[in-house]
Amino acid sequence: MAQALEFHFDGDADAAVRGLWRRLADSDISSGVPSPATSPHVTFAAAGTIPPVTRSALREDLRLLSIPALWLSILTASDGRLALTAVVDTELLAVHSAIHDVLAKRVKQPVARYLPGSWMPHCVLARDLDPAQMTAGFAALYPVGSIKARITEIVVVDTHTGEADVLRDLEDGS
């Protein structure tokens, strides 16, 4: 994966997720916790390349969409990852579908797990964990309360360089 469409959270949700990251870092799995430079987020799409012309089209469509808040409330563990999964509703799926309508046939090497029908909206808490780390991490976090995450920024992030292109800033209305 080289470029991802990420939805970033408001300050309270960001702080809550970072609190979970700190709890994990204090447990036995600190090697799998995202770096503090990473912003807590949910990825809506990913591809080898999201070209500039596609970003422009997406930027225009995103201005027309009402972006719902996410309720991150389900602690999940699979494929070496701990994640906080969002409650899925029709409004969230409509936004996801609208995004993929714009991206269809306009991106190179789309990542299948983010396509409609395969996507499970989640915020990664830790990755690349072995079974013992997964068990320790789950134990360190369980039970997790719900986090209401308002989306404040939608960006395309280059997953190799960290370079970000803001498509919509919901706090300043752009």
N, C-alpha and C. Protein backbone atom coordinates (compact mmCIF):
# COMPACT_ATOMS: atom_id res chain seq x y z
N MET A 1 0.85 -1.17 0.00
CA MET A 1 0.00 0.00 0.00
C MET A 1 0.90 1.23 0.00
N ALA A 2 0.59 2.18 -0.86
CA ALA A 2 1.41 3.39 -0.94
C ALA A 2 0.64 4.65 -0.56
N GLN A 3 -0.65 4.71 -0.88
CA GLN A 3 -1.43 5.89 -0.55
C GLN A 3 -2.77 5.47 0.05
N ALA A 4 -3.15 6.17 1.11
CA ALA A 4 -4.38 5.82 1.82
C ALA A 4 -5.23 7.06 2.04
N LEU A 5 -6.54 6.88 1.95
CA LEU A 5 -7.49 7.95 2.25
C LEU A 5 -7.90 7.78 3.71
N GLU A 6 -7.43 8.71 4.56
CA GLU A 6 -7.63 8.61 5.99
C GLU A 6 -8.58 9.70 6.48
N PHE A 7 -9.44 9.32 7.43
CA PHE A 7 -10.33 10.24 8.11
C PHE A 7 -9.77 10.41 9.52
N HIS A 8 -9.34 11.63 9.85
CA HIS A 8 -8.72 11.92 11.14
C HIS A 8 -9.76 12.44 12.13
N PHE A 9 -9.48 12.22 13.42
CA PHE A 9 -10.44 12.47 14.48
C PHE A 9 -10.26 13.84 15.15
N ASP A 10 -11.32 14.27 15.83
CA ASP A 10 -11.29 15.48 16.65
C ASP A 10 -10.35 15.27 17.83
N GLY A 11 -10.05 16.35 18.55
CA GLY A 11 -9.10 16.31 19.64
C GLY A 11 -9.43 15.33 20.75
N ASP A 12 -10.70 15.24 21.15
CA ASP A 12 -11.07 14.33 22.23
C ASP A 12 -10.88 12.87 21.82
N ALA A 13 -11.32 12.52 20.62
CA ALA A 13 -11.16 11.14 20.14
C ALA A 13 -9.69 10.82 19.92
N ASP A 14 -8.95 11.77 19.36
CA ASP A 14 -7.51 11.59 19.15
C ASP A 14 -6.84 11.28 20.49
N ALA A 15 -7.16 12.08 21.51
CA ALA A 15 -6.56 11.89 22.84
C ALA A 15 -6.96 10.53 23.44
N ALA A 16 -8.20 10.13 23.23
CA ALA A 16 -8.66 8.84 23.76
C ALA A 16 -7.91 7.68 23.12
N VAL A 17 -7.72 7.73 21.80
CA VAL A 17 -6.98 6.66 21.11
C VAL A 17 -5.52 6.68 21.56
N ARG A 18 -4.93 7.86 21.64
CA ARG A 18 -3.54 7.95 22.11
C ARG A 18 -3.40 7.40 23.54
N GLY A 19 -4.45 7.56 24.34
CA GLY A 19 -4.45 6.97 25.68
C GLY A 19 -4.40 5.45 25.62
N LEU A 20 -5.13 4.88 24.67
CA LEU A 20 -5.08 3.43 24.49
C LEU A 20 -3.69 3.00 24.01
N TRP A 21 -3.10 3.79 23.10
CA TRP A 21 -1.73 3.50 22.65
C TRP A 21 -0.76 3.50 23.83
N ARG A 22 -0.93 4.47 24.76
CA ARG A 22 -0.04 4.53 25.93
C ARG A 22 -0.22 3.30 26.81
N ARG A 23 -1.49 2.88 26.98
CA ARG A 23 -1.74 1.66 27.77
C ARG A 23 -1.04 0.47 27.14
N LEU A 24 -1.10 0.39 25.82
CA LEU A 24 -0.41 -0.72 25.15
C LEU A 24 1.10 -0.60 25.27
N ALA A 25 1.62 0.60 25.15
CA ALA A 25 3.07 0.81 25.26
C ALA A 25 3.57 0.44 26.66
N ASP A 26 2.71 0.61 27.66
CA ASP A 26 3.08 0.25 29.03
C ASP A 26 2.96 -1.25 29.29
N SER A 27 2.30 -1.96 28.35
CA SER A 27 2.18 -3.41 28.48
C SER A 27 3.39 -4.06 27.79
N ASP A 28 3.28 -5.32 27.48
CA ASP A 28 4.39 -6.06 26.89
C ASP A 28 4.46 -5.99 25.37
N ILE A 29 3.71 -5.10 24.72
CA ILE A 29 3.67 -5.14 23.26
C ILE A 29 4.13 -3.84 22.62
N SER A 30 4.92 -3.05 23.29
CA SER A 30 5.25 -1.70 22.81
C SER A 30 5.80 -1.67 21.39
N SER A 31 6.36 -2.75 20.90
CA SER A 31 6.92 -2.73 19.54
C SER A 31 5.86 -2.61 18.46
N GLY A 32 4.62 -2.95 18.72
CA GLY A 32 3.59 -2.92 17.68
C GLY A 32 2.69 -1.69 17.72
N VAL A 33 2.92 -0.78 18.66
CA VAL A 33 2.07 0.39 18.81
C VAL A 33 2.46 1.45 17.78
N PRO A 34 1.49 2.08 17.10
CA PRO A 34 1.83 3.13 16.13
C PRO A 34 2.67 4.24 16.77
N SER A 35 3.50 4.86 15.97
CA SER A 35 4.35 5.93 16.48
C SER A 35 3.50 7.14 16.84
N PRO A 36 3.97 7.96 17.78
CA PRO A 36 3.21 9.16 18.15
C PRO A 36 3.03 10.13 16.98
N ALA A 37 3.86 10.02 15.95
CA ALA A 37 3.74 10.90 14.78
C ALA A 37 2.52 10.54 13.94
N THR A 38 2.02 9.33 14.08
CA THR A 38 0.85 8.89 13.35
C THR A 38 -0.41 9.46 14.01
N SER A 39 -1.33 9.95 13.21
CA SER A 39 -2.60 10.44 13.75
C SER A 39 -3.60 9.29 13.81
N PRO A 40 -4.33 9.15 14.91
CA PRO A 40 -5.40 8.16 14.94
C PRO A 40 -6.38 8.43 13.80
N HIS A 41 -6.81 7.37 13.13
CA HIS A 41 -7.66 7.55 11.95
C HIS A 41 -8.36 6.25 11.58
N VAL A 42 -9.31 6.37 10.66
CA VAL A 42 -9.92 5.24 9.98
C VAL A 42 -9.60 5.40 8.50
N THR A 43 -9.11 4.34 7.88
CA THR A 43 -8.80 4.35 6.46
C THR A 43 -10.05 3.94 5.68
N PHE A 44 -10.43 4.77 4.70
CA PHE A 44 -11.61 4.49 3.88
C PHE A 44 -11.25 3.86 2.54
N ALA A 45 -10.01 4.08 2.09
CA ALA A 45 -9.57 3.52 0.81
C ALA A 45 -8.05 3.52 0.79
N ALA A 46 -7.49 2.63 -0.01
CA ALA A 46 -6.04 2.59 -0.19
C ALA A 46 -5.75 2.04 -1.57
N ALA A 47 -4.63 2.50 -2.13
CA ALA A 47 -4.23 2.06 -3.46
C ALA A 47 -2.74 2.33 -3.63
N GLY A 48 -2.18 1.74 -4.66
CA GLY A 48 -0.80 2.03 -4.99
C GLY A 48 -0.62 3.50 -5.28
N THR A 49 -1.57 4.06 -6.03
CA THR A 49 -1.53 5.48 -6.39
C THR A 49 -2.95 6.04 -6.45
N ILE A 50 -3.13 7.20 -5.84
CA ILE A 50 -4.36 7.98 -6.01
C ILE A 50 -3.91 9.25 -6.74
N PRO A 51 -4.08 9.29 -8.07
CA PRO A 51 -3.54 10.39 -8.87
C PRO A 51 -4.15 11.75 -8.53
N PRO A 52 -3.43 12.84 -8.84
CA PRO A 52 -3.92 14.20 -8.55
C PRO A 52 -5.30 14.49 -9.14
N VAL A 53 -5.58 14.05 -10.35
CA VAL A 53 -6.88 14.32 -10.96
C VAL A 53 -8.00 13.61 -10.18
N THR A 54 -7.70 12.43 -9.67
CA THR A 54 -8.68 11.69 -8.86
C THR A 54 -8.88 12.38 -7.51
N ARG A 55 -7.80 12.90 -6.95
CA ARG A 55 -7.91 13.63 -5.69
C ARG A 55 -8.79 14.87 -5.86
N SER A 56 -8.66 15.54 -6.99
CA SER A 56 -9.50 16.72 -7.25
C SER A 56 -10.96 16.34 -7.31
N ALA A 57 -11.27 15.26 -8.02
CA ALA A 57 -12.66 14.80 -8.10
C ALA A 57 -13.18 14.40 -6.73
N LEU A 58 -12.34 13.73 -5.96
CA LEU A 58 -12.73 13.32 -4.62
C LEU A 58 -12.93 14.52 -3.71
N ARG A 59 -12.06 15.51 -3.83
CA ARG A 59 -12.18 16.75 -3.03
C ARG A 59 -13.54 17.40 -3.28
N GLU A 60 -13.96 17.47 -4.54
CA GLU A 60 -15.25 18.07 -4.88
C GLU A 60 -16.41 17.26 -4.31
N ASP A 61 -16.35 15.94 -4.45
CA ASP A 61 -17.44 15.10 -3.93
C ASP A 61 -17.51 15.14 -2.41
N LEU A 62 -16.37 15.19 -1.75
CA LEU A 62 -16.36 15.22 -0.29
C LEU A 62 -17.03 16.48 0.26
N ARG A 63 -16.98 17.56 -0.49
CA ARG A 63 -17.63 18.79 -0.05
C ARG A 63 -19.16 18.65 -0.03
N LEU A 64 -19.68 17.72 -0.83
CA LEU A 64 -21.12 17.52 -0.93
C LEU A 64 -21.66 16.53 0.10
N LEU A 65 -20.75 15.78 0.75
CA LEU A 65 -21.17 14.73 1.67
C LEU A 65 -21.24 15.22 3.10
N SER A 66 -22.25 14.74 3.81
CA SER A 66 -22.32 14.94 5.25
C SER A 66 -21.54 13.79 5.88
N ILE A 67 -20.48 14.13 6.61
CA ILE A 67 -19.60 13.11 7.18
C ILE A 67 -20.08 12.79 8.60
N PRO A 68 -20.48 11.55 8.83
CA PRO A 68 -20.99 11.19 10.17
C PRO A 68 -19.86 11.02 11.18
N ALA A 69 -20.20 11.15 12.44
CA ALA A 69 -19.27 10.79 13.51
C ALA A 69 -19.18 9.27 13.55
N LEU A 70 -18.06 8.78 14.02
CA LEU A 70 -17.87 7.33 14.16
C LEU A 70 -17.94 6.97 15.64
N TRP A 71 -18.54 5.83 15.91
CA TRP A 71 -18.53 5.29 17.26
C TRP A 71 -17.57 4.11 17.26
N LEU A 72 -16.38 4.33 17.81
CA LEU A 72 -15.37 3.28 17.91
C LEU A 72 -15.60 2.55 19.22
N SER A 73 -16.04 1.30 19.14
CA SER A 73 -16.43 0.66 20.39
C SER A 73 -16.19 -0.84 20.46
N ILE A 74 -15.68 -1.44 19.41
CA ILE A 74 -15.52 -2.89 19.41
C ILE A 74 -14.04 -3.22 19.30
N LEU A 75 -13.48 -3.79 20.36
CA LEU A 75 -12.07 -4.19 20.36
C LEU A 75 -11.95 -5.49 19.58
N THR A 76 -11.12 -5.48 18.54
CA THR A 76 -10.95 -6.66 17.70
C THR A 76 -9.48 -7.06 17.64
N ALA A 77 -9.27 -8.33 17.39
CA ALA A 77 -7.92 -8.88 17.26
C ALA A 77 -7.91 -9.86 16.11
N SER A 78 -7.12 -9.55 15.08
CA SER A 78 -6.99 -10.49 13.95
C SER A 78 -5.77 -10.12 13.11
N ASP A 79 -5.22 -11.10 12.45
CA ASP A 79 -4.10 -10.90 11.54
C ASP A 79 -2.97 -10.09 12.18
N GLY A 80 -2.68 -10.34 13.44
CA GLY A 80 -1.60 -9.65 14.12
C GLY A 80 -1.89 -8.21 14.48
N ARG A 81 -3.15 -7.81 14.40
CA ARG A 81 -3.54 -6.42 14.70
C ARG A 81 -4.56 -6.37 15.82
N LEU A 82 -4.40 -5.37 16.66
CA LEU A 82 -5.44 -4.97 17.60
C LEU A 82 -6.05 -3.70 17.04
N ALA A 83 -7.37 -3.63 17.04
CA ALA A 83 -8.03 -2.46 16.47
C ALA A 83 -9.30 -2.16 17.25
N LEU A 84 -9.70 -0.91 17.14
CA LEU A 84 -10.99 -0.48 17.66
C LEU A 84 -11.88 -0.27 16.45
N THR A 85 -12.91 -1.09 16.33
CA THR A 85 -13.76 -1.10 15.14
C THR A 85 -14.96 -0.19 15.35
N ALA A 86 -15.36 0.48 14.29
CA ALA A 86 -16.50 1.40 14.33
C ALA A 86 -17.81 0.64 14.15
N VAL A 87 -18.83 1.17 14.77
CA VAL A 87 -20.18 0.66 14.53
C VAL A 87 -20.56 1.08 13.12
N VAL A 88 -21.04 0.13 12.34
CA VAL A 88 -21.38 0.39 10.93
C VAL A 88 -22.88 0.66 10.81
N ASP A 89 -23.21 1.77 10.14
CA ASP A 89 -24.61 2.08 9.87
C ASP A 89 -24.74 2.50 8.40
N THR A 90 -25.97 2.72 7.97
CA THR A 90 -26.20 3.04 6.56
C THR A 90 -25.55 4.35 6.14
N GLU A 91 -25.51 5.33 7.04
CA GLU A 91 -24.90 6.62 6.72
C GLU A 91 -23.40 6.48 6.45
N LEU A 92 -22.74 5.71 7.29
CA LEU A 92 -21.30 5.47 7.12
C LEU A 92 -21.03 4.70 5.82
N LEU A 93 -21.84 3.69 5.56
CA LEU A 93 -21.67 2.91 4.33
C LEU A 93 -21.95 3.75 3.09
N ALA A 94 -22.88 4.69 3.18
CA ALA A 94 -23.17 5.57 2.04
C ALA A 94 -21.97 6.46 1.72
N VAL A 95 -21.32 7.00 2.74
CA VAL A 95 -20.13 7.82 2.52
C VAL A 95 -19.03 6.98 1.90
N HIS A 96 -18.82 5.79 2.44
CA HIS A 96 -17.79 4.89 1.91
C HIS A 96 -18.07 4.55 0.45
N SER A 97 -19.31 4.24 0.14
CA SER A 97 -19.70 3.91 -1.23
C SER A 97 -19.50 5.09 -2.18
N ALA A 98 -19.87 6.29 -1.73
CA ALA A 98 -19.70 7.49 -2.56
C ALA A 98 -18.22 7.73 -2.87
N ILE A 99 -17.37 7.52 -1.90
CA ILE A 99 -15.93 7.67 -2.10
C ILE A 99 -15.44 6.69 -3.15
N HIS A 100 -15.88 5.45 -3.05
CA HIS A 100 -15.41 4.44 -4.00
C HIS A 100 -16.02 4.61 -5.39
N ASP A 101 -17.17 5.26 -5.47
CA ASP A 101 -17.72 5.60 -6.79
C ASP A 101 -16.77 6.55 -7.52
N VAL A 102 -16.17 7.48 -6.78
CA VAL A 102 -15.21 8.42 -7.38
C VAL A 102 -13.90 7.71 -7.73
N LEU A 103 -13.47 6.82 -6.86
CA LEU A 103 -12.17 6.16 -7.06
C LEU A 103 -12.19 5.06 -8.12
N ALA A 104 -13.37 4.52 -8.40
CA ALA A 104 -13.48 3.39 -9.32
C ALA A 104 -12.82 3.68 -10.66
N LYS A 105 -11.94 2.81 -11.05
CA LYS A 105 -11.21 2.87 -12.33
C LYS A 105 -10.31 4.10 -12.44
N ARG A 106 -10.08 4.81 -11.34
CA ARG A 106 -9.23 6.00 -11.37
C ARG A 106 -7.98 5.86 -10.52
N VAL A 107 -7.87 4.76 -9.78
CA VAL A 107 -6.69 4.54 -8.96
C VAL A 107 -5.95 3.30 -9.46
N LYS A 108 -4.67 3.23 -9.14
CA LYS A 108 -3.87 2.07 -9.52
C LYS A 108 -3.71 1.18 -8.30
N GLN A 109 -3.90 -0.10 -8.50
CA GLN A 109 -3.72 -1.12 -7.47
C GLN A 109 -4.54 -0.86 -6.22
N PRO A 110 -5.88 -0.81 -6.34
CA PRO A 110 -6.70 -0.63 -5.14
C PRO A 110 -6.51 -1.80 -4.18
N VAL A 111 -6.54 -1.51 -2.89
CA VAL A 111 -6.38 -2.54 -1.87
C VAL A 111 -7.76 -3.13 -1.56
N ALA A 112 -7.89 -4.44 -1.77
CA ALA A 112 -9.19 -5.11 -1.71
C ALA A 112 -9.88 -4.97 -0.35
N ARG A 113 -9.15 -4.97 0.75
CA ARG A 113 -9.80 -4.95 2.06
C ARG A 113 -10.55 -3.65 2.35
N TYR A 114 -10.30 -2.60 1.53
CA TYR A 114 -10.99 -1.32 1.73
C TYR A 114 -12.14 -1.11 0.75
N LEU A 115 -12.37 -2.06 -0.14
CA LEU A 115 -13.44 -1.93 -1.12
C LEU A 115 -14.80 -2.20 -0.48
N PRO A 116 -15.87 -1.62 -1.04
CA PRO A 116 -17.21 -1.90 -0.52
C PRO A 116 -17.47 -3.40 -0.48
N GLY A 117 -18.06 -3.85 0.58
CA GLY A 117 -18.34 -5.27 0.77
C GLY A 117 -17.24 -5.99 1.54
N SER A 118 -16.04 -5.43 1.57
CA SER A 118 -14.92 -6.03 2.29
C SER A 118 -14.47 -5.18 3.48
N TRP A 119 -14.78 -3.91 3.44
CA TRP A 119 -14.27 -2.93 4.38
C TRP A 119 -14.89 -3.06 5.76
N MET A 120 -14.05 -3.03 6.78
CA MET A 120 -14.50 -2.95 8.16
C MET A 120 -13.81 -1.73 8.76
N PRO A 121 -14.56 -0.65 9.01
CA PRO A 121 -13.94 0.58 9.50
C PRO A 121 -13.33 0.37 10.89
N HIS A 122 -12.04 0.70 11.02
CA HIS A 122 -11.35 0.47 12.28
C HIS A 122 -10.17 1.43 12.44
N CYS A 123 -9.78 1.63 13.67
CA CYS A 123 -8.60 2.41 14.03
C CYS A 123 -7.59 1.43 14.61
N VAL A 124 -6.43 1.32 13.97
CA VAL A 124 -5.41 0.38 14.42
C VAL A 124 -4.81 0.85 15.74
N LEU A 125 -4.75 -0.07 16.69
CA LEU A 125 -4.14 0.20 17.99
C LEU A 125 -2.74 -0.39 18.08
N ALA A 126 -2.53 -1.52 17.41
CA ALA A 126 -1.21 -2.16 17.36
C ALA A 126 -1.19 -3.11 16.17
N ARG A 127 0.01 -3.33 15.63
CA ARG A 127 0.13 -4.22 14.46
C ARG A 127 1.36 -5.10 14.60
N ASP A 128 1.42 -6.09 13.74
CA ASP A 128 2.56 -7.03 13.69
C ASP A 128 2.80 -7.71 15.03
N LEU A 129 1.72 -8.14 15.66
CA LEU A 129 1.82 -8.79 16.97
C LEU A 129 1.85 -10.30 16.83
N ASP A 130 2.64 -10.95 17.67
CA ASP A 130 2.60 -12.40 17.72
C ASP A 130 1.46 -12.78 18.68
N PRO A 131 1.10 -14.06 18.74
CA PRO A 131 -0.05 -14.45 19.57
C PRO A 131 0.07 -14.04 21.05
N ALA A 132 1.25 -14.13 21.62
CA ALA A 132 1.42 -13.74 23.03
C ALA A 132 1.22 -12.23 23.20
N GLN A 133 1.74 -11.44 22.28
CA GLN A 133 1.54 -9.99 22.34
C GLN A 133 0.07 -9.63 22.15
N MET A 134 -0.60 -10.35 21.25
CA MET A 134 -2.01 -10.10 21.00
C MET A 134 -2.83 -10.33 22.27
N THR A 135 -2.54 -11.42 22.95
CA THR A 135 -3.24 -11.75 24.19
C THR A 135 -2.96 -10.69 25.26
N ALA A 136 -1.70 -10.30 25.40
CA ALA A 136 -1.32 -9.29 26.40
C ALA A 136 -1.96 -7.94 26.07
N GLY A 137 -1.96 -7.58 24.82
CA GLY A 137 -2.56 -6.31 24.41
C GLY A 137 -4.05 -6.28 24.64
N PHE A 138 -4.73 -7.35 24.28
CA PHE A 138 -6.17 -7.42 24.49
C PHE A 138 -6.48 -7.31 25.98
N ALA A 139 -5.71 -8.02 26.80
CA ALA A 139 -5.91 -7.98 28.25
C ALA A 139 -5.66 -6.58 28.81
N ALA A 140 -4.68 -5.87 28.25
CA ALA A 140 -4.35 -4.53 28.73
C ALA A 140 -5.45 -3.52 28.42
N LEU A 141 -6.22 -3.76 27.38
CA LEU A 141 -7.24 -2.80 26.96
C LEU A 141 -8.67 -3.16 27.36
N TYR A 142 -8.94 -4.44 27.54
CA TYR A 142 -10.31 -4.88 27.78
C TYR A 142 -10.75 -4.54 29.19
N PRO A 143 -11.94 -4.03 29.40
CA PRO A 143 -12.91 -3.59 28.41
C PRO A 143 -12.60 -2.17 27.94
N VAL A 144 -12.99 -1.90 26.71
CA VAL A 144 -12.79 -0.58 26.11
C VAL A 144 -14.14 0.11 26.02
N GLY A 145 -14.21 1.33 26.48
CA GLY A 145 -15.45 2.10 26.34
C GLY A 145 -15.56 2.66 24.93
N SER A 146 -16.73 3.11 24.57
CA SER A 146 -16.95 3.70 23.24
C SER A 146 -16.29 5.07 23.14
N ILE A 147 -15.74 5.34 21.97
CA ILE A 147 -15.16 6.64 21.67
C ILE A 147 -15.96 7.24 20.51
N LYS A 148 -16.54 8.41 20.74
CA LYS A 148 -17.24 9.11 19.65
C LYS A 148 -16.19 9.96 18.94
N ALA A 149 -15.95 9.63 17.68
CA ALA A 149 -14.93 10.32 16.89
C ALA A 149 -15.59 11.17 15.81
N ARG A 150 -15.53 12.48 16.00
CA ARG A 150 -15.95 13.38 14.92
C ARG A 150 -14.79 13.46 13.94
N ILE A 151 -15.09 13.50 12.67
CA ILE A 151 -14.06 13.60 11.65
C ILE A 151 -13.76 15.08 11.43
N THR A 152 -12.49 15.44 11.54
CA THR A 152 -12.09 16.84 11.37
C THR A 152 -11.27 17.07 10.11
N GLU A 153 -10.73 15.99 9.55
CA GLU A 153 -9.86 16.16 8.39
C GLU A 153 -9.85 14.88 7.58
N ILE A 154 -9.88 15.04 6.25
CA ILE A 154 -9.79 13.90 5.35
C ILE A 154 -8.56 14.13 4.48
N VAL A 155 -7.64 13.17 4.49
CA VAL A 155 -6.36 13.34 3.81
C VAL A 155 -5.99 12.11 3.02
N VAL A 156 -5.20 12.32 1.97
CA VAL A 156 -4.51 11.23 1.30
C VAL A 156 -3.11 11.23 1.86
N VAL A 157 -2.71 10.10 2.42
CA VAL A 157 -1.39 9.98 3.04
C VAL A 157 -0.55 9.00 2.26
N ASP A 158 0.68 9.39 1.96
CA ASP A 158 1.65 8.47 1.37
C ASP A 158 2.18 7.63 2.53
N THR A 159 1.93 6.34 2.51
CA THR A 159 2.26 5.49 3.65
C THR A 159 3.76 5.24 3.78
N HIS A 160 4.52 5.58 2.76
CA HIS A 160 5.98 5.41 2.84
C HIS A 160 6.66 6.66 3.36
N THR A 161 6.22 7.83 2.91
CA THR A 161 6.89 9.08 3.28
C THR A 161 6.18 9.85 4.39
N GLY A 162 4.88 9.55 4.59
CA GLY A 162 4.09 10.29 5.56
C GLY A 162 3.53 11.59 5.01
N GLU A 163 3.87 11.92 3.77
CA GLU A 163 3.36 13.16 3.15
C GLU A 163 1.84 13.10 3.07
N ALA A 164 1.18 14.20 3.44
CA ALA A 164 -0.28 14.24 3.47
C ALA A 164 -0.82 15.35 2.58
N ASP A 165 -1.89 15.05 1.86
CA ASP A 165 -2.60 16.01 1.03
C ASP A 165 -4.01 16.14 1.60
N VAL A 166 -4.31 17.27 2.22
CA VAL A 166 -5.63 17.47 2.84
C VAL A 166 -6.67 17.69 1.74
N LEU A 167 -7.68 16.82 1.73
CA LEU A 167 -8.77 16.95 0.76
C LEU A 167 -9.93 17.75 1.33
N ARG A 168 -10.13 17.64 2.64
CA ARG A 168 -11.21 18.39 3.28
C ARG A 168 -10.86 18.61 4.74
N ASP A 169 -10.99 19.84 5.16
CA ASP A 169 -10.81 20.21 6.57
C ASP A 169 -12.18 20.61 7.08
N LEU A 170 -12.78 19.75 7.88
CA LEU A 170 -14.13 20.00 8.34
C LEU A 170 -14.20 21.04 9.45
N GLU A 171 -13.09 21.37 10.05
CA GLU A 171 -13.10 22.38 11.11
C GLU A 171 -13.13 23.78 10.55
N ASP A 172 -12.47 24.02 9.41
CA ASP A 172 -12.49 25.36 8.82
C ASP A 172 -13.48 25.47 7.66
N GLY A 173 -14.20 24.35 7.40
CA GLY A 173 -15.25 24.37 6.39
C GLY A 173 -14.79 24.17 4.96
N SER A 174 -13.52 23.90 4.76
CA SER A 174 -13.05 23.72 3.37
C SER A 174 -13.12 22.27 2.93
